[in-house]
Amino acid sequence: PGPRRELRESPGQRPLLLAGGAIMGAALLLQLFAFRILPVATVDAAKRTAANGVSAVLGRVLFEERDAWRRGAAGLVMSAGVALMLLG
């Protein structure tokens, strides 16, 4: 049973998959646009910082991870670094 078969057997997942694909496409377009106005290192650092923060929150809320605060703290340190890059 491959992914295509599973998708055929559960058509209720299609809207979710289409929405996820649209969001990922929009994120890529925004990233490419940001490359035109900011250095690549800054855009990449900001993208990774956002992903780290979202994963910390989702890990705590959805999976009840006990040590999600570590990723949250790392996200704050990364955010400070991005801020220094933008200021500096």
N, C-alpha and C. Protein backbone atom coordinates (compact mmCIF):
# COMPACT_ATOMS: atom_id res chain seq x y z
N PRO A 1 0.83 -1.20 0.00
CA PRO A 1 0.00 0.00 0.00
C PRO A 1 0.87 1.25 0.00
N GLY A 2 0.90 1.90 -1.12
CA GLY A 2 1.68 3.12 -1.25
C GLY A 2 0.88 4.35 -0.89
N PRO A 3 1.53 5.50 -0.94
CA PRO A 3 0.83 6.73 -0.56
C PRO A 3 -0.34 7.06 -1.48
N ARG A 4 -0.23 6.73 -2.75
CA ARG A 4 -1.35 7.02 -3.67
C ARG A 4 -2.57 6.19 -3.32
N ARG A 5 -2.34 4.94 -2.99
CA ARG A 5 -3.46 4.08 -2.62
C ARG A 5 -4.12 4.58 -1.34
N GLU A 6 -3.31 4.97 -0.38
CA GLU A 6 -3.87 5.48 0.87
C GLU A 6 -4.67 6.75 0.63
N LEU A 7 -4.22 7.60 -0.30
CA LEU A 7 -4.94 8.82 -0.61
C LEU A 7 -6.27 8.51 -1.29
N ARG A 8 -6.28 7.51 -2.16
CA ARG A 8 -7.54 7.11 -2.81
C ARG A 8 -8.52 6.56 -1.80
N GLU A 9 -8.02 5.86 -0.79
CA GLU A 9 -8.90 5.24 0.19
C GLU A 9 -9.39 6.22 1.24
N SER A 10 -8.77 7.38 1.34
CA SER A 10 -9.22 8.38 2.32
C SER A 10 -9.29 9.75 1.65
N PRO A 11 -10.33 9.97 0.83
CA PRO A 11 -10.43 11.24 0.11
C PRO A 11 -10.64 12.45 1.02
N GLY A 12 -10.97 12.25 2.27
CA GLY A 12 -11.13 13.36 3.19
C GLY A 12 -9.81 14.07 3.49
N GLN A 13 -8.71 13.43 3.19
CA GLN A 13 -7.40 14.01 3.42
C GLN A 13 -6.97 14.96 2.31
N ARG A 14 -7.61 14.90 1.17
CA ARG A 14 -7.19 15.73 0.03
C ARG A 14 -7.20 17.22 0.31
N PRO A 15 -8.26 17.77 0.92
CA PRO A 15 -8.23 19.22 1.18
C PRO A 15 -7.08 19.61 2.10
N LEU A 16 -6.81 18.77 3.08
CA LEU A 16 -5.70 19.06 3.99
C LEU A 16 -4.36 19.03 3.26
N LEU A 17 -4.20 18.04 2.39
CA LEU A 17 -2.97 17.96 1.61
C LEU A 17 -2.82 19.12 0.65
N LEU A 18 -3.92 19.51 0.01
CA LEU A 18 -3.87 20.65 -0.91
C LEU A 18 -3.56 21.94 -0.17
N ALA A 19 -4.15 22.12 1.01
CA ALA A 19 -3.86 23.32 1.80
C ALA A 19 -2.40 23.34 2.23
N GLY A 20 -1.88 22.19 2.66
CA GLY A 20 -0.48 22.11 3.04
C GLY A 20 0.45 22.42 1.88
N GLY A 21 0.12 21.91 0.71
CA GLY A 21 0.93 22.20 -0.47
C GLY A 21 0.89 23.67 -0.85
N ALA A 22 -0.29 24.28 -0.74
CA ALA A 22 -0.42 25.71 -1.05
C ALA A 22 0.38 26.56 -0.06
N ILE A 23 0.33 26.20 1.22
CA ILE A 23 1.09 26.94 2.23
C ILE A 23 2.59 26.80 1.98
N MET A 24 3.02 25.59 1.65
CA MET A 24 4.45 25.39 1.38
C MET A 24 4.90 26.16 0.14
N GLY A 25 4.04 26.19 -0.88
CA GLY A 25 4.37 26.96 -2.09
C GLY A 25 4.47 28.44 -1.80
N ALA A 26 3.53 28.95 -0.99
CA ALA A 26 3.56 30.37 -0.62
C ALA A 26 4.80 30.68 0.20
N ALA A 27 5.17 29.78 1.10
CA ALA A 27 6.36 29.99 1.92
C ALA A 27 7.61 30.05 1.04
N LEU A 28 7.68 29.19 0.05
CA LEU A 28 8.83 29.20 -0.85
C LEU A 28 8.89 30.50 -1.65
N LEU A 29 7.76 30.96 -2.14
CA LEU A 29 7.73 32.23 -2.88
C LEU A 29 8.15 33.40 -1.99
N LEU A 30 7.69 33.42 -0.75
CA LEU A 30 8.09 34.48 0.17
C LEU A 30 9.59 34.43 0.46
N GLN A 31 10.11 33.22 0.60
CA GLN A 31 11.55 33.07 0.84
C GLN A 31 12.35 33.57 -0.36
N LEU A 32 11.93 33.23 -1.55
CA LEU A 32 12.65 33.69 -2.74
C LEU A 32 12.57 35.20 -2.88
N PHE A 33 11.42 35.79 -2.53
CA PHE A 33 11.30 37.23 -2.55
C PHE A 33 12.22 37.87 -1.52
N ALA A 34 12.28 37.25 -0.33
CA ALA A 34 13.14 37.80 0.73
C ALA A 34 14.61 37.77 0.33
N PHE A 35 15.00 36.78 -0.48
CA PHE A 35 16.39 36.72 -0.95
C PHE A 35 16.76 37.95 -1.77
N ARG A 36 15.78 38.59 -2.37
CA ARG A 36 16.05 39.77 -3.19
C ARG A 36 16.34 41.00 -2.35
N ILE A 37 15.85 41.03 -1.10
CA ILE A 37 16.00 42.25 -0.31
C ILE A 37 16.87 42.07 0.93
N LEU A 38 17.17 40.84 1.32
CA LEU A 38 18.01 40.57 2.49
C LEU A 38 19.09 39.57 2.13
N PRO A 39 20.17 39.55 2.88
CA PRO A 39 21.19 38.52 2.66
C PRO A 39 20.62 37.12 2.90
N VAL A 40 21.13 36.15 2.16
CA VAL A 40 20.64 34.78 2.25
C VAL A 40 20.80 34.25 3.67
N ALA A 41 21.92 34.55 4.32
CA ALA A 41 22.14 34.05 5.68
C ALA A 41 21.08 34.55 6.65
N THR A 42 20.66 35.77 6.49
CA THR A 42 19.64 36.34 7.38
C THR A 42 18.29 35.67 7.15
N VAL A 43 17.94 35.47 5.90
CA VAL A 43 16.66 34.82 5.57
C VAL A 43 16.66 33.39 6.10
N ASP A 44 17.74 32.68 5.90
CA ASP A 44 17.83 31.30 6.35
C ASP A 44 17.76 31.22 7.87
N ALA A 45 18.46 32.12 8.55
CA ALA A 45 18.42 32.11 10.01
C ALA A 45 17.02 32.41 10.53
N ALA A 46 16.34 33.35 9.91
CA ALA A 46 14.97 33.67 10.33
C ALA A 46 14.04 32.50 10.08
N LYS A 47 14.21 31.83 8.95
CA LYS A 47 13.36 30.68 8.63
C LYS A 47 13.56 29.56 9.64
N ARG A 48 14.79 29.28 9.97
CA ARG A 48 15.08 28.22 10.94
C ARG A 48 14.60 28.59 12.34
N THR A 49 14.70 29.86 12.68
CA THR A 49 14.22 30.31 13.98
C THR A 49 12.71 30.13 14.09
N ALA A 50 11.99 30.49 13.04
CA ALA A 50 10.54 30.33 13.05
C ALA A 50 10.15 28.86 13.15
N ALA A 51 10.85 28.01 12.42
CA ALA A 51 10.55 26.58 12.46
C ALA A 51 10.82 26.01 13.85
N ASN A 52 11.88 26.47 14.48
CA ASN A 52 12.22 26.00 15.82
C ASN A 52 11.14 26.40 16.82
N GLY A 53 10.67 27.63 16.72
CA GLY A 53 9.62 28.09 17.63
C GLY A 53 8.32 27.34 17.44
N VAL A 54 7.94 27.14 16.19
CA VAL A 54 6.69 26.41 15.91
C VAL A 54 6.79 24.97 16.38
N SER A 55 7.94 24.33 16.17
CA SER A 55 8.08 22.94 16.61
C SER A 55 8.05 22.83 18.12
N ALA A 56 8.58 23.82 18.83
CA ALA A 56 8.54 23.79 20.30
C ALA A 56 7.09 23.90 20.79
N VAL A 57 6.34 24.81 20.21
CA VAL A 57 4.95 24.99 20.63
C VAL A 57 4.12 23.75 20.28
N LEU A 58 4.25 23.26 19.06
CA LEU A 58 3.47 22.08 18.66
C LEU A 58 3.88 20.84 19.46
N GLY A 59 5.16 20.71 19.76
CA GLY A 59 5.62 19.58 20.56
C GLY A 59 4.99 19.58 21.94
N ARG A 60 4.88 20.75 22.52
CA ARG A 60 4.28 20.85 23.85
C ARG A 60 2.77 20.65 23.80
N VAL A 61 2.12 21.31 22.84
CA VAL A 61 0.65 21.27 22.78
C VAL A 61 0.13 19.94 22.28
N LEU A 62 0.68 19.45 21.17
CA LEU A 62 0.14 18.24 20.55
C LEU A 62 0.67 16.95 21.16
N PHE A 63 1.96 16.95 21.52
CA PHE A 63 2.59 15.71 21.97
C PHE A 63 2.96 15.71 23.44
N GLU A 64 2.62 16.81 24.14
CA GLU A 64 2.88 16.93 25.56
C GLU A 64 4.34 16.63 25.92
N GLU A 65 5.25 17.12 25.10
CA GLU A 65 6.67 16.92 25.38
C GLU A 65 7.06 17.72 26.62
N ARG A 66 7.82 17.10 27.48
CA ARG A 66 8.20 17.77 28.72
C ARG A 66 9.35 18.74 28.53
N ASP A 67 10.23 18.46 27.60
CA ASP A 67 11.41 19.31 27.43
C ASP A 67 11.30 20.25 26.23
N ALA A 68 10.09 20.60 25.86
CA ALA A 68 9.90 21.54 24.75
C ALA A 68 10.46 22.91 25.11
N TRP A 69 10.59 23.20 26.39
CA TRP A 69 11.14 24.48 26.82
C TRP A 69 12.57 24.66 26.33
N ARG A 70 13.30 23.56 26.15
CA ARG A 70 14.68 23.66 25.65
C ARG A 70 14.69 24.22 24.23
N ARG A 71 13.80 23.70 23.40
CA ARG A 71 13.72 24.22 22.03
C ARG A 71 13.21 25.65 22.04
N GLY A 72 12.30 25.95 22.96
CA GLY A 72 11.82 27.32 23.07
C GLY A 72 12.94 28.27 23.47
N ALA A 73 13.78 27.85 24.41
CA ALA A 73 14.92 28.67 24.83
C ALA A 73 15.92 28.82 23.68
N ALA A 74 16.15 27.75 22.96
CA ALA A 74 17.05 27.83 21.81
C ALA A 74 16.48 28.78 20.76
N GLY A 75 15.17 28.76 20.59
CA GLY A 75 14.52 29.67 19.65
C GLY A 75 14.72 31.12 20.05
N LEU A 76 14.66 31.40 21.35
CA LEU A 76 14.89 32.77 21.82
C LEU A 76 16.33 33.22 21.55
N VAL A 77 17.27 32.32 21.77
CA VAL A 77 18.67 32.65 21.48
C VAL A 77 18.86 32.89 19.98
N MET A 78 18.23 32.04 19.17
CA MET A 78 18.32 32.21 17.73
C MET A 78 17.66 33.51 17.29
N SER A 79 16.54 33.87 17.92
CA SER A 79 15.86 35.13 17.59
C SER A 79 16.75 36.32 17.90
N ALA A 80 17.45 36.24 19.02
CA ALA A 80 18.38 37.32 19.36
C ALA A 80 19.49 37.42 18.31
N GLY A 81 19.96 36.30 17.84
CA GLY A 81 20.98 36.31 16.80
C GLY A 81 20.48 36.94 15.50
N VAL A 82 19.26 36.59 15.12
CA VAL A 82 18.68 37.17 13.90
C VAL A 82 18.52 38.68 14.08
N ALA A 83 18.07 39.09 15.27
CA ALA A 83 17.93 40.53 15.53
C ALA A 83 19.28 41.25 15.42
N LEU A 84 20.32 40.63 15.93
CA LEU A 84 21.65 41.23 15.82
C LEU A 84 22.10 41.30 14.37
N MET A 85 21.76 40.28 13.60
CA MET A 85 22.13 40.30 12.18
C MET A 85 21.41 41.44 11.45
N LEU A 86 20.14 41.65 11.80
CA LEU A 86 19.37 42.71 11.13
C LEU A 86 19.82 44.09 11.57
N LEU A 87 20.22 44.23 12.82
CA LEU A 87 20.67 45.52 13.32
C LEU A 87 22.09 45.86 12.88
N GLY A 88 22.84 44.82 12.61
CA GLY A 88 24.21 45.03 12.47
C GLY A 88 24.98 45.17 11.31
